[in-house]
C-alpha cells in the first residue's frame, strides 16, 4: 500500500463490503493469507466501534460492515501472511 490513505464514503445505515488485496514484490512468491481481521475505530473518541474477521479468497480479504451513525472512522485490516503481519488502513466516512 502506498503512503496515501484510501478514503471510502458510506451513507448512514448502509452495509457494504470493502475488499483489500495482498501482493508480493517478488513475482515468483506465492502469497497465502492464513488469517485476517478488521477493526473500525471512531476518529473522534478513539474507541473501537466494530470488529470482525475477514473473508479470505486467495489474496483478497473482504470486510462487511455498516454504521447507524455519522462520522469518520479508521478501518484497519490485519493479515497474517507467512511469518509476517501486514496492516492496511483506510478512512471511512459515514455521511
Protein backbone atom coordinates (compact mmCIF):
# COMPACT_ATOMS: atom_id res chain seq x y z
CA UNK A 1 0.00 0.00 0.00
CA UNK A 2 1.36 3.45 -0.81
CA UNK A 3 1.71 6.35 1.64
CA UNK A 4 -1.66 7.87 0.73
CA UNK A 5 -4.64 6.65 2.73
CA UNK A 6 -7.71 5.42 0.91
CA UNK A 7 -11.00 7.18 1.66
CA UNK A 8 -14.31 5.33 1.46
CA UNK A 9 -17.70 7.04 1.86
CA UNK A 10 -20.83 5.32 3.15
CA UNK A 11 -24.27 6.74 3.73
CA UNK A 12 -25.57 6.35 7.27
CA UNK A 13 -27.27 2.95 7.60
CA UNK A 14 -25.51 1.37 4.59
CA UNK A 15 -23.89 -2.04 4.93
CA UNK A 16 -21.19 -2.78 2.37
CA UNK A 17 -18.19 -4.93 1.56
CA UNK A 18 -14.67 -3.48 1.49
CA UNK A 19 -12.03 -5.54 -0.34
CA UNK A 20 -8.28 -5.39 0.07
CA UNK A 21 -5.53 -7.42 -1.59
CA UNK A 22 -2.05 -8.52 -0.59
CA UNK A 23 0.70 -8.88 -3.19
CA UNK A 24 4.38 -9.75 -3.06
CA UNK A 25 7.16 -7.66 -4.57
CA UNK A 26 8.61 -10.96 -5.81
CA UNK A 27 6.55 -12.15 -8.79
CA UNK A 28 7.61 -15.77 -8.10
CA UNK A 29 6.45 -15.77 -4.47
CA UNK A 30 3.10 -17.33 -3.67
CA UNK A 31 1.05 -15.25 -1.22
CA UNK A 32 -1.03 -17.20 1.30
CA UNK A 33 -3.20 -15.29 3.78
CA UNK A 34 -3.68 -17.51 6.82
CA UNK A 35 -5.79 -15.11 8.90
CA UNK A 36 -7.27 -11.62 8.57
CA UNK A 37 -9.37 -9.39 10.80
CA UNK A 38 -10.61 -5.79 10.85
CA UNK A 39 -11.40 -3.02 13.33
CA UNK A 40 -13.35 0.18 12.86
CA UNK A 41 -12.15 2.90 15.26
CA UNK A 42 -14.01 6.17 15.85
CA UNK A 43 -11.61 9.03 14.98
CA UNK A 44 -13.25 11.38 17.49
CA UNK A 45 -13.34 9.13 20.55
CA UNK A 46 -10.60 6.62 19.71
CA UNK A 47 -12.96 3.77 20.63
CA UNK A 48 -13.27 0.61 18.54
CA UNK A 49 -16.88 0.67 17.34
CA UNK A 50 -16.89 -2.64 15.44
CA UNK A 51 -14.55 -5.51 14.61
CA UNK A 52 -14.65 -8.86 12.92
CA UNK A 53 -12.95 -11.50 10.80
CA UNK A 54 -12.32 -11.03 7.10
CA UNK A 55 -13.48 -13.45 4.47
CA UNK A 56 -10.34 -14.68 2.67
CA UNK A 57 -10.33 -15.66 -1.01
CA UNK A 58 -6.83 -16.22 -2.36
CA UNK A 59 -5.03 -12.86 -1.97
CA UNK A 60 -8.26 -10.92 -1.34
CA UNK A 61 -9.70 -10.05 2.07
CA UNK A 62 -13.30 -8.87 2.45
CA UNK A 63 -14.83 -6.95 5.36
CA UNK A 64 -18.59 -6.47 5.70
CA UNK A 65 -19.94 -3.76 7.99
CA UNK A 66 -22.14 -0.71 8.34
CA UNK A 67 -22.91 2.02 10.88
CA UNK A 68 -26.08 3.70 12.09
CA UNK A 69 -24.25 6.92 12.99
CA UNK A 70 -22.33 9.51 11.01
CA UNK A 71 -18.66 10.33 11.49
CA UNK A 72 -15.12 9.44 10.49
CA UNK A 73 -13.63 6.07 11.30
CA UNK A 74 -10.29 4.34 10.77
CA UNK A 75 -10.62 0.90 9.19
CA UNK A 76 -7.60 -1.27 9.95
CA UNK A 77 -7.20 -4.69 8.35
CA UNK A 78 -4.59 -7.00 9.87
CA UNK A 79 -3.47 -10.05 7.89
CA UNK A 80 -1.10 -12.93 8.60
CA UNK A 81 0.94 -13.85 5.51
CA UNK A 82 3.56 -16.48 6.26
CA UNK A 83 5.65 -15.16 9.18
CA UNK A 84 4.61 -11.56 8.51
CA UNK A 85 1.80 -9.44 9.91
CA UNK A 86 0.56 -6.86 7.39
CA UNK A 87 -1.68 -3.91 8.24
CA UNK A 88 -3.70 -1.85 5.78
CA UNK A 89 -5.69 1.25 6.69
CA UNK A 90 -8.46 3.35 5.17
CA UNK A 91 -10.52 6.31 6.31
CA UNK A 92 -14.24 5.50 6.28
CA UNK A 93 -16.71 8.40 6.30
CA UNK A 94 -20.34 7.74 7.21
CA UNK A 95 -22.32 10.71 5.89
